[in-house]
């Protein structure tokens, strides 16, 4: 994940590993998540999201992997920058075209 995360990567990995290891000891996956989250002092929904992200990254669940999500963000950022540059070039083109047009009254 990103460096701006509230929790260290080791804690995330440990929580996911513990949920997967102890899932069979609980009546549901949510019960296992709740138990592990309480023991680690992390909100249950946070642990649930970590488990879902791990399942997606491992191909067990449909969705964009972490790498695909990061690549998509990069492409969207690049697309915004290119659109902005294109608008600047269009404006400059119009400006210089009107400046060079000899028919324009001064």
PDB file of N, CA and C in Angstrom:
ATOM      1  N   UNK A   1       0.829  -1.182   0.000  1.00  0.00           N
ATOM      2  CA  UNK A   1       0.000   0.000   0.000  1.00  0.00           C
ATOM      3  C   UNK A   1       0.874   1.248   0.000  1.00  0.00           C
ATOM      4  N   UNK A   2       0.257   2.377   0.207  1.00  0.00           N
ATOM      5  CA  UNK A   2       0.992   3.628   0.137  1.00  0.00           C
ATOM      6  C   UNK A   2       1.667   3.939   1.461  1.00  0.00           C
ATOM      7  N   UNK A   3       2.610   4.868   1.441  1.00  0.00           N
ATOM      8  CA  UNK A   3       3.342   5.262   2.631  1.00  0.00           C
ATOM      9  C   UNK A   3       2.502   6.094   3.589  1.00  0.00           C
ATOM     10  N   UNK A   4       1.356   6.573   3.150  1.00  0.00           N
ATOM     11  CA  UNK A   4       0.521   7.411   3.988  1.00  0.00           C
ATOM     12  C   UNK A   4      -0.467   6.603   4.836  1.00  0.00           C
ATOM     13  N   UNK A   5      -0.290   5.301   4.862  1.00  0.00           N
ATOM     14  CA  UNK A   5      -1.182   4.412   5.580  1.00  0.00           C
ATOM     15  C   UNK A   5      -1.079   4.622   7.087  1.00  0.00           C
ATOM     16  N   UNK A   6      -2.204   4.441   7.738  1.00  0.00           N
ATOM     17  CA  UNK A   6      -2.261   4.602   9.181  1.00  0.00           C
ATOM     18  C   UNK A   6      -1.637   3.416   9.905  1.00  0.00           C
ATOM     19  N   UNK A   7      -1.687   2.258   9.269  1.00  0.00           N
ATOM     20  CA  UNK A   7      -1.183   1.035   9.875  1.00  0.00           C
ATOM     21  C   UNK A   7       0.017   0.508   9.090  1.00  0.00           C
ATOM     22  N   UNK A   8       1.004  -0.053   9.800  1.00  0.00           N
ATOM     23  CA  UNK A   8       2.165  -0.618   9.088  1.00  0.00           C
ATOM     24  C   UNK A   8       1.767  -1.832   8.250  1.00  0.00           C
ATOM     25  N   UNK A   9       2.483  -2.040   7.177  1.00  0.00           N
ATOM     26  CA  UNK A   9       2.209  -3.161   6.283  1.00  0.00           C
ATOM     27  C   UNK A   9       2.299  -4.497   7.020  1.00  0.00           C
ATOM     28  N   UNK A  10       3.229  -4.605   7.965  1.00  0.00           N
ATOM     29  CA  UNK A  10       3.367  -5.860   8.720  1.00  0.00           C
ATOM     30  C   UNK A  10       2.096  -6.188   9.493  1.00  0.00           C
ATOM     31  N   UNK A  11       1.459  -5.165  10.062  1.00  0.00           N
ATOM     32  CA  UNK A  11       0.212  -5.381  10.808  1.00  0.00           C
ATOM     33  C   UNK A  11      -0.886  -5.843   9.864  1.00  0.00           C
ATOM     34  N   UNK A  12      -0.960  -5.240   8.696  1.00  0.00           N
ATOM     35  CA  UNK A  12      -1.967  -5.637   7.709  1.00  0.00           C
ATOM     36  C   UNK A  12      -1.791  -7.104   7.319  1.00  0.00           C
ATOM     37  N   UNK A  13      -0.554  -7.455   7.008  1.00  0.00           N
ATOM     38  CA  UNK A  13      -0.282  -8.834   6.585  1.00  0.00           C
ATOM     39  C   UNK A  13      -0.581  -9.817   7.712  1.00  0.00           C
ATOM     40  N   UNK A  14      -0.216  -9.452   8.934  1.00  0.00           N
ATOM     41  CA  UNK A  14      -0.462 -10.325  10.080  1.00  0.00           C
ATOM     42  C   UNK A  14      -1.956 -10.508  10.304  1.00  0.00           C
ATOM     43  N   UNK A  15      -2.721  -9.421  10.212  1.00  0.00           N
ATOM     44  CA  UNK A  15      -4.172  -9.500  10.418  1.00  0.00           C
ATOM     45  C   UNK A  15      -4.812 -10.404   9.373  1.00  0.00           C
ATOM     46  N   UNK A  16      -4.439 -10.232   8.118  1.00  0.00           N
ATOM     47  CA  UNK A  16      -5.007 -11.061   7.049  1.00  0.00           C
ATOM     48  C   UNK A  16      -4.633 -12.517   7.267  1.00  0.00           C
ATOM     49  N   UNK A  17      -3.367 -12.766   7.580  1.00  0.00           N
ATOM     50  CA  UNK A  17      -2.913 -14.139   7.815  1.00  0.00           C
ATOM     51  C   UNK A  17      -3.686 -14.779   8.969  1.00  0.00           C
ATOM     52  N   UNK A  18      -3.879 -14.019  10.066  1.00  0.00           N
ATOM     53  CA  UNK A  18      -4.602 -14.557  11.221  1.00  0.00           C
ATOM     54  C   UNK A  18      -6.055 -14.864  10.885  1.00  0.00           C
ATOM     55  N   UNK A  19      -6.693 -13.975  10.109  1.00  0.00           N
ATOM     56  CA  UNK A  19      -8.088 -14.233   9.715  1.00  0.00           C
ATOM     57  C   UNK A  19      -8.160 -15.504   8.888  1.00  0.00           C
ATOM     58  N   UNK A  20      -7.257 -15.658   7.940  1.00  0.00           N
ATOM     59  CA  UNK A  20      -7.286 -16.845   7.086  1.00  0.00           C
ATOM     60  C   UNK A  20      -7.000 -18.120   7.877  1.00  0.00           C
ATOM     61  N   UNK A  21      -6.086 -18.027   8.848  1.00  0.00           N
ATOM     62  CA  UNK A  21      -5.746 -19.203   9.651  1.00  0.00           C
ATOM     63  C   UNK A  21      -6.869 -19.591  10.606  1.00  0.00           C
ATOM     64  N   UNK A  22      -7.581 -18.636  11.144  1.00  0.00           N
ATOM     65  CA  UNK A  22      -8.590 -18.907  12.179  1.00  0.00           C
ATOM     66  C   UNK A  22     -10.026 -18.863  11.662  1.00  0.00           C
ATOM     67  N   UNK A  23     -10.185 -18.764  10.359  1.00  0.00           N
ATOM     68  CA  UNK A  23     -11.525 -18.690   9.780  1.00  0.00           C
ATOM     69  C   UNK A  23     -12.354 -19.927  10.120  1.00  0.00           C
ATOM     70  N   UNK A  24     -11.743 -21.083  10.159  1.00  0.00           N
ATOM     71  CA  UNK A  24     -12.462 -22.322  10.440  1.00  0.00           C
ATOM     72  C   UNK A  24     -12.893 -22.464  11.894  1.00  0.00           C
ATOM     73  N   UNK A  25     -12.312 -21.675  12.784  1.00  0.00           N
ATOM     74  CA  UNK A  25     -12.651 -21.744  14.204  1.00  0.00           C
ATOM     75  C   UNK A  25     -13.863 -20.895  14.559  1.00  0.00           C
ATOM     76  N   UNK A  26     -14.390 -20.165  13.590  1.00  0.00           N
ATOM     77  CA  UNK A  26     -15.515 -19.254  13.826  1.00  0.00           C
ATOM     78  C   UNK A  26     -16.666 -19.625  12.905  1.00  0.00           C
ATOM     79  N   UNK A  27     -17.886 -19.271  13.308  1.00  0.00           N
ATOM     80  CA  UNK A  27     -19.047 -19.642  12.483  1.00  0.00           C
ATOM     81  C   UNK A  27     -19.091 -18.942  11.126  1.00  0.00           C
ATOM     82  N   UNK A  28     -18.411 -17.796  10.996  1.00  0.00           N
ATOM     83  CA  UNK A  28     -18.397 -17.080   9.719  1.00  0.00           C
ATOM     84  C   UNK A  28     -17.078 -16.319   9.582  1.00  0.00           C
ATOM     85  N   UNK A  29     -16.823 -15.877   8.366  1.00  0.00           N
ATOM     86  CA  UNK A  29     -15.621 -15.084   8.142  1.00  0.00           C
ATOM     87  C   UNK A  29     -15.706 -13.767   8.916  1.00  0.00           C
ATOM     88  N   UNK A  30     -16.905 -13.189   8.977  1.00  0.00           N
ATOM     89  CA  UNK A  30     -17.082 -11.931   9.712  1.00  0.00           C
ATOM     90  C   UNK A  30     -16.755 -12.118  11.193  1.00  0.00           C
ATOM     91  N   UNK A  31     -17.132 -13.236  11.765  1.00  0.00           N
ATOM     92  CA  UNK A  31     -16.821 -13.503  13.171  1.00  0.00           C
ATOM     93  C   UNK A  31     -15.304 -13.597  13.368  1.00  0.00           C
ATOM     94  N   UNK A  32     -14.624 -14.240  12.445  1.00  0.00           N
ATOM     95  CA  UNK A  32     -13.162 -14.338  12.523  1.00  0.00           C
ATOM     96  C   UNK A  32     -12.532 -12.950  12.395  1.00  0.00           C
ATOM     97  N   UNK A  33     -13.032 -12.158  11.470  1.00  0.00           N
ATOM     98  CA  UNK A  33     -12.533 -10.794  11.278  1.00  0.00           C
ATOM     99  C   UNK A  33     -12.746  -9.971  12.539  1.00  0.00           C
ATOM    100  N   UNK A  34     -13.927 -10.058  13.117  1.00  0.00           N
ATOM    101  CA  UNK A  34     -14.238  -9.299  14.333  1.00  0.00           C
ATOM    102  C   UNK A  34     -13.325  -9.699  15.477  1.00  0.00           C
ATOM    103  N   UNK A  35     -13.104 -10.982  15.634  1.00  0.00           N
ATOM    104  CA  UNK A  35     -12.249 -11.475  16.711  1.00  0.00           C
ATOM    105  C   UNK A  35     -10.809 -10.988  16.553  1.00  0.00           C
ATOM    106  N   UNK A  36     -10.263 -11.135  15.358  1.00  0.00           N
ATOM    107  CA  UNK A  36      -8.878 -10.730  15.102  1.00  0.00           C
ATOM    108  C   UNK A  36      -8.735  -9.217  15.226  1.00  0.00           C
ATOM    109  N   UNK A  37      -9.703  -8.472  14.700  1.00  0.00           N
ATOM    110  CA  UNK A  37      -9.649  -7.011  14.766  1.00  0.00           C
ATOM    111  C   UNK A  37      -9.626  -6.538  16.212  1.00  0.00           C
ATOM    112  N   UNK A  38     -10.437  -7.140  17.054  1.00  0.00           N
ATOM    113  CA  UNK A  38     -10.475  -6.768  18.466  1.00  0.00           C
ATOM    114  C   UNK A  38      -9.132  -7.051  19.134  1.00  0.00           C
ATOM    115  N   UNK A  39      -8.562  -8.199  18.835  1.00  0.00           N
ATOM    116  CA  UNK A  39      -7.270  -8.570  19.431  1.00  0.00           C
ATOM    117  C   UNK A  39      -6.149  -7.626  18.999  1.00  0.00           C
ATOM    118  N   UNK A  40      -6.211  -7.136  17.757  1.00  0.00           N
ATOM    119  CA  UNK A  40      -5.155  -6.267  17.244  1.00  0.00           C
ATOM    120  C   UNK A  40      -5.432  -4.777  17.475  1.00  0.00           C
ATOM    121  N   UNK A  41      -6.632  -4.459  17.946  1.00  0.00           N
ATOM    122  CA  UNK A  41      -6.971  -3.063  18.192  1.00  0.00           C
ATOM    123  C   UNK A  41      -7.227  -2.270  16.918  1.00  0.00           C
ATOM    124  N   UNK A  42      -7.767  -2.952  15.910  1.00  0.00           N
ATOM    125  CA  UNK A  42      -8.067  -2.332  14.617  1.00  0.00           C
ATOM    126  C   UNK A  42      -9.569  -2.484  14.390  1.00  0.00           C
ATOM    127  N   UNK A  43     -10.170  -1.515  13.707  1.00  0.00           N
ATOM    128  CA  UNK A  43     -11.608  -1.591  13.433  1.00  0.00           C
ATOM    129  C   UNK A  43     -11.911  -2.796  12.542  1.00  0.00           C
ATOM    130  N   UNK A  44     -13.042  -3.431  12.789  1.00  0.00           N
ATOM    131  CA  UNK A  44     -13.425  -4.637  12.040  1.00  0.00           C
ATOM    132  C   UNK A  44     -13.519  -4.380  10.539  1.00  0.00           C
ATOM    133  N   UNK A  45     -14.097  -3.241  10.167  1.00  0.00           N
ATOM    134  CA  UNK A  45     -14.252  -2.939   8.742  1.00  0.00           C
ATOM    135  C   UNK A  45     -12.892  -2.775   8.062  1.00  0.00           C
ATOM    136  N   UNK A  46     -11.945  -2.231   8.776  1.00  0.00           N
ATOM    137  CA  UNK A  46     -10.598  -2.071   8.229  1.00  0.00           C
ATOM    138  C   UNK A  46      -9.992  -3.431   7.923  1.00  0.00           C
ATOM    139  N   UNK A  47     -10.107  -4.350   8.860  1.00  0.00           N
ATOM    140  CA  UNK A  47      -9.566  -5.702   8.654  1.00  0.00           C
ATOM    141  C   UNK A  47     -10.316  -6.397   7.518  1.00  0.00           C
ATOM    142  N   UNK A  48     -11.636  -6.199   7.454  1.00  0.00           N
ATOM    143  CA  UNK A  48     -12.419  -6.810   6.377  1.00  0.00           C
ATOM    144  C   UNK A  48     -11.923  -6.323   5.020  1.00  0.00           C
ATOM    145  N   UNK A  49     -11.639  -5.024   4.895  1.00  0.00           N
ATOM    146  CA  UNK A  49     -11.138  -4.475   3.637  1.00  0.00           C
ATOM    147  C   UNK A  49      -9.755  -5.040   3.296  1.00  0.00           C
ATOM    148  N   UNK A  50      -8.914  -5.217   4.308  1.00  0.00           N
ATOM    149  CA  UNK A  50      -7.597  -5.816   4.073  1.00  0.00           C
ATOM    150  C   UNK A  50      -7.741  -7.245   3.555  1.00  0.00           C
ATOM    151  N   UNK A  51      -8.661  -7.996   4.134  1.00  0.00           N
ATOM    152  CA  UNK A  51      -8.884  -9.387   3.714  1.00  0.00           C
ATOM    153  C   UNK A  51      -9.406  -9.410   2.279  1.00  0.00           C
ATOM    154  N   UNK A  52     -10.362  -8.523   1.953  1.00  0.00           N
ATOM    155  CA  UNK A  52     -10.899  -8.470   0.587  1.00  0.00           C
ATOM    156  C   UNK A  52      -9.803  -8.103  -0.415  1.00  0.00           C
ATOM    157  N   UNK A  53      -8.972  -7.126  -0.072  1.00  0.00           N
ATOM    158  CA  UNK A  53      -7.879  -6.704  -0.963  1.00  0.00           C
ATOM    159  C   UNK A  53      -6.934  -7.878  -1.202  1.00  0.00           C
ATOM    160  N   UNK A  54      -6.617  -8.636  -0.141  1.00  0.00           N
ATOM    161  CA  UNK A  54      -5.743  -9.795  -0.278  1.00  0.00           C
ATOM    162  C   UNK A  54      -6.388 -10.853  -1.177  1.00  0.00           C
ATOM    163  N   UNK A  55      -7.678 -11.078  -1.033  1.00  0.00           N
ATOM    164  CA  UNK A  55      -8.377 -12.059  -1.855  1.00  0.00           C
ATOM    165  C   UNK A  55      -8.364 -11.639  -3.327  1.00  0.00           C
ATOM    166  N   UNK A  56      -8.536 -10.354  -3.582  1.00  0.00           N
ATOM    167  CA  UNK A  56      -8.496  -9.862  -4.963  1.00  0.00           C
ATOM    168  C   UNK A  56      -7.090 -10.011  -5.529  1.00  0.00           C
ATOM    169  N   UNK A  57      -6.085  -9.625  -4.745  1.00  0.00           N
ATOM    170  CA  UNK A  57      -4.698  -9.716  -5.215  1.00  0.00           C
ATOM    171  C   UNK A  57      -4.282 -11.158  -5.495  1.00  0.00           C
ATOM    172  N   UNK A  58      -4.860 -12.105  -4.771  1.00  0.00           N
ATOM    173  CA  UNK A  58      -4.524 -13.519  -4.968  1.00  0.00           C
ATOM    174  C   UNK A  58      -5.434 -14.210  -5.975  1.00  0.00           C
ATOM    175  N   UNK A  59      -6.339 -13.475  -6.604  1.00  0.00           N
ATOM    176  CA  UNK A  59      -7.212 -14.036  -7.629  1.00  0.00           C
ATOM    177  C   UNK A  59      -8.375 -14.838  -7.082  1.00  0.00           C
ATOM    178  N   UNK A  60      -8.636 -14.759  -5.796  1.00  0.00           N
ATOM    179  CA  UNK A  60      -9.737 -15.513  -5.188  1.00  0.00           C
ATOM    180  C   UNK A  60     -11.065 -14.776  -5.318  1.00  0.00           C
ATOM    181  N   UNK A  61     -11.012 -13.502  -5.668  1.00  0.00           N
ATOM    182  CA  UNK A  61     -12.202 -12.665  -5.759  1.00  0.00           C
ATOM    183  C   UNK A  61     -12.014 -11.744  -6.963  1.00  0.00           C
ATOM    184  N   UNK A  62     -13.111 -11.406  -7.611  1.00  0.00           N
ATOM    185  CA  UNK A  62     -13.045 -10.530  -8.785  1.00  0.00           C
ATOM    186  C   UNK A  62     -12.740  -9.090  -8.364  1.00  0.00           C
ATOM    187  N   UNK A  63     -12.023  -8.393  -9.231  1.00  0.00           N
ATOM    188  CA  UNK A  63     -11.713  -6.991  -8.984  1.00  0.00           C
ATOM    189  C   UNK A  63     -10.322  -6.653  -9.472  1.00  0.00           C
ATOM    190  N   UNK A  64      -9.987  -5.360  -9.413  1.00  0.00           N
ATOM    191  CA  UNK A  64      -8.664  -4.904  -9.825  1.00  0.00           C
ATOM    192  C   UNK A  64      -7.655  -5.170  -8.721  1.00  0.00           C
ATOM    193  N   UNK A  65      -6.521  -5.743  -9.092  1.00  0.00           N
ATOM    194  CA  UNK A  65      -5.470  -5.980  -8.110  1.00  0.00           C
ATOM    195  C   UNK A  65      -4.844  -4.648  -7.712  1.00  0.00           C
ATOM    196  N   UNK A  66      -4.035  -4.683  -6.678  1.00  0.00           N
ATOM    197  CA  UNK A  66      -3.369  -3.478  -6.201  1.00  0.00           C
ATOM    198  C   UNK A  66      -2.505  -2.875  -7.301  1.00  0.00           C
ATOM    199  N   UNK A  67      -1.774  -3.716  -8.036  1.00  0.00           N
ATOM    200  CA  UNK A  67      -0.931  -3.226  -9.121  1.00  0.00           C
ATOM    201  C   UNK A  67      -1.761  -2.605 -10.234  1.00  0.00           C
ATOM    202  N   UNK A  68      -2.880  -3.237 -10.567  1.00  0.00           N
ATOM    203  CA  UNK A  68      -3.753  -2.699 -11.613  1.00  0.00           C
ATOM    204  C   UNK A  68      -4.359  -1.365 -11.181  1.00  0.00           C
ATOM    205  N   UNK A  69      -4.733  -1.265  -9.918  1.00  0.00           N
ATOM    206  CA  UNK A  69      -5.301  -0.013  -9.413  1.00  0.00           C
ATOM    207  C   UNK A  69      -4.272   1.109  -9.468  1.00  0.00           C
ATOM    208  N   UNK A  70      -3.034   0.805  -9.119  1.00  0.00           N
ATOM    209  CA  UNK A  70      -1.974   1.810  -9.159  1.00  0.00           C
ATOM    210  C   UNK A  70      -1.694   2.226 -10.602  1.00  0.00           C
ATOM    211  N   UNK A  71      -1.652   1.266 -11.508  1.00  0.00           N
ATOM    212  CA  UNK A  71      -1.432   1.575 -12.929  1.00  0.00           C
ATOM    213  C   UNK A  71      -2.566   2.435 -13.472  1.00  0.00           C
ATOM    214  N   UNK A  72      -3.800   2.128 -13.090  1.00  0.00           N
ATOM    215  CA  UNK A  72      -4.950   2.919 -13.515  1.00  0.00           C
ATOM    216  C   UNK A  72      -4.836   4.354 -13.007  1.00  0.00           C
ATOM    217  N   UNK A  73      -4.429   4.529 -11.749  1.00  0.00           N
ATOM    218  CA  UNK A  73      -4.229   5.875 -11.195  1.00  0.00           C
ATOM    219  C   UNK A  73      -3.172   6.640 -11.986  1.00  0.00           C
ATOM    220  N   UNK A  74      -2.077   5.952 -12.308  1.00  0.00           N
ATOM    221  CA  UNK A  74      -1.010   6.602 -13.079  1.00  0.00           C
ATOM    222  C   UNK A  74      -1.506   7.031 -14.459  1.00  0.00           C
ATOM    223  N   UNK A  75      -2.255   6.163 -15.115  1.00  0.00           N
ATOM    224  CA  UNK A  75      -2.769   6.485 -16.445  1.00  0.00           C
ATOM    225  C   UNK A  75      -3.777   7.636 -16.393  1.00  0.00           C
ATOM    226  N   UNK A  76      -4.623   7.653 -15.373  1.00  0.00           N
ATOM    227  CA  UNK A  76      -5.584   8.749 -15.222  1.00  0.00           C
ATOM    228  C   UNK A  76      -4.863  10.068 -14.971  1.00  0.00           C
ATOM    229  N   UNK A  77      -3.821  10.044 -14.149  1.00  0.00           N
ATOM    230  CA  UNK A  77      -3.032  11.250 -13.888  1.00  0.00           C
ATOM    231  C   UNK A  77      -2.367  11.735 -15.172  1.00  0.00           C
ATOM    232  N   UNK A  78      -1.775  10.809 -15.921  1.00  0.00           N
ATOM    233  CA  UNK A  78      -1.125  11.166 -17.177  1.00  0.00           C
ATOM    234  C   UNK A  78      -2.141  11.735 -18.170  1.00  0.00           C
ATOM    235  N   UNK A  79      -3.329  11.142 -18.209  1.00  0.00           N
ATOM    236  CA  UNK A  79      -4.393  11.601 -19.095  1.00  0.00           C
ATOM    237  C   UNK A  79      -4.795  13.043 -18.746  1.00  0.00           C
ATOM    238  N   UNK A  80      -4.944  13.343 -17.451  1.00  0.00           N
ATOM    239  CA  UNK A  80      -5.278  14.713 -17.034  1.00  0.00           C
ATOM    240  C   UNK A  80      -4.198  15.701 -17.456  1.00  0.00           C
ATOM    241  N   UNK A  81      -2.942  15.331 -17.258  1.00  0.00           N
ATOM    242  CA  UNK A  81      -1.833  16.205 -17.637  1.00  0.00           C
ATOM    243  C   UNK A  81      -1.799  16.446 -19.143  1.00  0.00           C
ATOM    244  N   UNK A  82      -2.045  15.404 -19.931  1.00  0.00           N
ATOM    245  CA  UNK A  82      -2.043  15.548 -21.381  1.00  0.00           C
ATOM    246  C   UNK A  82      -3.212  16.411 -21.853  1.00  0.00           C
ATOM    247  N   UNK A  83      -4.373  16.243 -21.227  1.00  0.00           N
ATOM    248  CA  UNK A  83      -5.522  17.088 -21.583  1.00  0.00           C
ATOM    249  C   UNK A  83      -5.232  18.553 -21.276  1.00  0.00           C
ATOM    250  N   UNK A  84      -4.626  18.804 -20.116  1.00  0.00           N
ATOM    251  CA  UNK A  84      -4.285  20.174 -19.730  1.00  0.00           C
ATOM    252  C   UNK A  84      -3.274  20.766 -20.709  1.00  0.00           C
ATOM    253  N   UNK A  85      -2.258  19.992 -21.072  1.00  0.00           N
ATOM    254  CA  UNK A  85      -1.261  20.463 -22.033  1.00  0.00           C
ATOM    255  C   UNK A  85      -1.899  20.719 -23.394  1.00  0.00           C
ATOM    256  N   UNK A  86      -2.826  19.871 -23.798  1.00  0.00           N
ATOM    257  CA  UNK A  86      -3.520  20.036 -25.068  1.00  0.00           C
ATOM    258  C   UNK A  86      -4.336  21.326 -25.077  1.00  0.00           C
ATOM    259  N   UNK A  87      -5.014  21.629 -23.986  1.00  0.00           N
ATOM    260  CA  UNK A  87      -5.793  22.866 -23.893  1.00  0.00           C
ATOM    261  C   UNK A  87      -4.884  24.091 -23.980  1.00  0.00           C
ATOM    262  N   UNK A  88      -3.736  24.023 -23.332  1.00  0.00           N
ATOM    263  CA  UNK A  88      -2.779  25.128 -23.387  1.00  0.00           C
ATOM    264  C   UNK A  88      -2.292  25.322 -24.824  1.00  0.00           C
ATOM    265  N   UNK A  89      -1.981  24.232 -25.503  1.00  0.00           N
ATOM    266  CA  UNK A  89      -1.513  24.322 -26.891  1.00  0.00           C
ATOM    267  C   UNK A  89      -2.602  24.861 -27.814  1.00  0.00           C
ATOM    268  N   UNK A  90      -3.837  24.459 -27.598  1.00  0.00           N
ATOM    269  CA  UNK A  90      -4.941  24.986 -28.402  1.00  0.00           C
ATOM    270  C   UNK A  90      -5.084  26.490 -28.202  1.00  0.00           C
ATOM    271  N   UNK A  91      -5.025  26.938 -26.956  1.00  0.00           N
ATOM    272  CA  UNK A  91      -5.142  28.369 -26.670  1.00  0.00           C
ATOM    273  C   UNK A  91      -3.992  29.146 -27.304  1.00  0.00           C
ATOM    274  N   UNK A  92      -2.795  28.608 -27.199  1.00  0.00           N
ATOM    275  CA  UNK A  92      -1.633  29.271 -27.794  1.00  0.00           C
ATOM    276  C   UNK A  92      -1.760  29.321 -29.315  1.00  0.00           C
ATOM    277  N   UNK A  93      -2.264  28.263 -29.899  1.00  0.00           N
ATOM    278  CA  UNK A  93      -2.448  28.212 -31.340  1.00  0.00           C
ATOM    279  C   UNK A  93      -3.435  29.278 -31.800  1.00  0.00           C
ATOM    280  N   UNK A  94      -4.551  29.417 -31.107  1.00  0.00           N
ATOM    281  CA  UNK A  94      -5.541  30.437 -31.441  1.00  0.00           C
ATOM    282  C   UNK A  94      -4.940  31.831 -31.274  1.00  0.00           C
ATOM    283  N   UNK A  95      -4.214  32.042 -30.205  1.00  0.00           N
ATOM    284  CA  UNK A  95      -3.600  33.347 -29.953  1.00  0.00           C
ATOM    285  C   UNK A  95      -2.649  33.724 -31.075  1.00  0.00           C
ATOM    286  N   UNK A  96      -1.730  32.821 -31.447  1.00  0.00           N
ATOM    287  CA  UNK A  96      -0.753  33.136 -32.475  1.00  0.00           C
ATOM    288  C   UNK A  96      -1.390  33.228 -33.859  1.00  0.00           C
ATOM    289  N   UNK A  97      -2.428  32.465 -34.104  1.00  0.00           N
ATOM    290  CA  UNK A  97      -3.110  32.540 -35.397  1.00  0.00           C
ATOM    291  C   UNK A  97      -3.759  33.907 -35.566  1.00  0.00           C
ATOM    292  N   UNK A  98      -4.368  34.444 -34.524  1.00  0.00           N
ATOM    293  CA  UNK A  98      -4.985  35.769 -34.618  1.00  0.00           C
ATOM    294  C   UNK A  98      -3.929  36.857 -34.703  1.00  0.00           C
ATOM    295  N   UNK A  99      -2.791  36.675 -34.074  1.00  0.00           N
ATOM    296  CA  UNK A  99      -1.704  37.664 -34.136  1.00  0.00           C
ATOM    297  C   UNK A  99      -1.095  37.724 -35.534  1.00  0.00           C
ATOM    298  N   UNK A 100      -1.000  36.604 -36.201  1.00  0.00           N
ATOM    299  CA  UNK A 100      -0.374  36.545 -37.518  1.00  0.00           C
ATOM    300  C   UNK A 100      -1.346  36.846 -38.657  1.00  0.00           C
ATOM    301  N   UNK A 101      -2.616  36.875 -38.354  1.00  0.00           N
ATOM    302  CA  UNK A 101      -3.628  37.127 -39.384  1.00  0.00           C
ATOM    303  C   UNK A 101      -3.570  38.612 -39.752  1.00  0.00           C
ATOM    304  N   UNK A 102      -3.234  38.916 -41.003  1.00  0.00           N
ATOM    305  CA  UNK A 102      -3.084  40.297 -41.446  1.00  0.00           C
ATOM    306  C   UNK A 102      -4.408  41.018 -41.621  1.00  0.00           C
ATOM    307  N   UNK A 103      -5.503  40.300 -41.672  1.00  0.00           N
ATOM    308  CA  UNK A 103      -6.809  40.919 -41.897  1.00  0.00           C
ATOM    309  C   UNK A 103      -7.415  41.487 -40.632  1.00  0.00           C
ATOM    310  N   UNK A 104      -6.842  41.186 -39.555  1.00  0.00           N
ATOM    311  CA  UNK A 104      -7.419  41.640 -38.284  1.00  0.00           C
ATOM    312  C   UNK A 104      -7.175  43.143 -38.118  1.00  0.00           C
ATOM    313  N   UNK A 105      -8.224  43.902 -37.837  1.00  0.00           N
ATOM    314  CA  UNK A 105      -8.039  45.336 -37.620  1.00  0.00           C
ATOM    315  C   UNK A 105      -7.334  45.613 -36.305  1.00  0.00           C
ATOM    316  N   UNK A 106      -6.492  46.658 -36.323  1.00  0.00           N
ATOM    317  CA  UNK A 106      -5.752  46.980 -35.103  1.00  0.00           C
ATOM    318  C   UNK A 106      -6.318  48.156 -34.432  1.00  0.00           C
TER     319      UNK A 106
END
